[in-house]
Amino acid sequence: MEQRNPLAATPEVAAYLGVPVQTLYVWRTKSEGPRAVRVGKHLRYRWSDVDAWIESQSDRPRVGAA
């Protein structure tokens, strides 16, 4: 398995998710995508936040959901 750095740049996350970089910027302005952090003037994503966001997008029923 490939080892990932704890922080990823926007192009890395876009490639991982299969979306254009611009989509991540739009999602960020609408508070819809994975959470990002600013490191100086750069936008970075924690892989744990990206994975949690992906899990939250799942359409399978949650255990105990009515």
Protein backbone atom coordinates (compact mmCIF):
# COMPACT_ATOMS: atom_id res chain seq x y z
CA MET A 1 0.00 0.00 0.00
CA GLU A 2 1.24 3.49 -0.83
CA GLN A 3 2.16 5.72 2.12
CA ARG A 4 0.52 9.17 1.99
CA ASN A 5 1.79 12.36 3.58
CA PRO A 6 -0.61 13.67 6.23
CA LEU A 7 -1.30 16.82 4.16
CA ALA A 8 -2.17 16.99 0.48
CA ALA A 9 -2.23 19.83 -2.01
CA THR A 10 -5.40 20.64 -3.93
CA PRO A 11 -4.28 18.93 -7.19
CA GLU A 12 -3.53 15.70 -5.28
CA VAL A 13 -6.98 15.65 -3.68
CA ALA A 14 -8.68 16.53 -6.96
CA ALA A 15 -6.92 13.63 -8.69
CA TYR A 16 -7.79 11.28 -5.82
CA LEU A 17 -11.46 12.25 -5.99
CA GLY A 18 -11.54 12.34 -9.80
CA VAL A 19 -12.79 15.93 -9.96
CA PRO A 20 -11.29 19.12 -11.44
CA VAL A 21 -9.28 21.35 -9.10
CA GLN A 22 -11.84 24.11 -9.66
CA THR A 23 -14.54 21.85 -8.20
CA LEU A 24 -12.66 21.71 -4.89
CA TYR A 25 -12.46 25.51 -4.83
CA VAL A 26 -16.20 25.80 -5.52
CA TRP A 27 -17.00 23.22 -2.85
CA ARG A 28 -14.83 25.13 -0.38
CA THR A 29 -16.70 28.40 -0.99
CA LYS A 30 -20.00 26.55 -0.47
CA SER A 31 -18.73 24.53 2.54
CA GLU A 32 -19.64 21.32 0.72
CA GLY A 33 -16.40 19.41 0.16
CA PRO A 34 -13.71 18.00 2.40
CA ARG A 35 -12.38 20.36 5.04
CA ALA A 36 -9.19 22.19 4.10
CA VAL A 37 -6.63 24.10 6.13
CA ARG A 38 -4.54 27.06 5.12
CA VAL A 39 -0.79 26.66 5.55
CA GLY A 40 0.62 30.10 4.89
CA LYS A 41 -0.83 31.06 1.52
CA HIS A 42 -1.39 27.43 0.51
CA LEU A 43 -4.51 25.31 0.86
CA ARG A 44 -3.91 21.81 2.21
CA TYR A 45 -6.15 18.87 3.00
CA ARG A 46 -5.66 16.29 5.74
CA TRP A 47 -6.14 12.85 4.23
CA SER A 48 -8.14 11.87 7.30
CA ASP A 49 -10.59 14.73 6.55
CA VAL A 50 -10.82 13.70 2.89
CA ASP A 51 -11.54 10.08 3.85
CA ALA A 52 -14.11 11.16 6.47
CA TRP A 53 -15.82 13.37 3.90
CA ILE A 54 -15.96 10.49 1.41
CA GLU A 55 -17.52 8.27 4.07
CA SER A 56 -20.10 10.96 4.84
CA GLN A 57 -21.14 10.95 1.18
CA SER A 58 -22.02 7.27 1.24
CA ASP A 59 -25.57 6.47 0.19
CA ARG A 60 -25.81 3.22 2.14
CA PRO A 61 -28.21 3.21 5.09
CA ARG A 62 -26.66 3.84 8.48
CA VAL A 63 -27.09 1.30 11.24
CA GLY A 64 -29.96 2.33 13.48
CA ALA A 65 -31.37 4.83 10.96
CA ALA A 66 -35.13 4.93 10.74
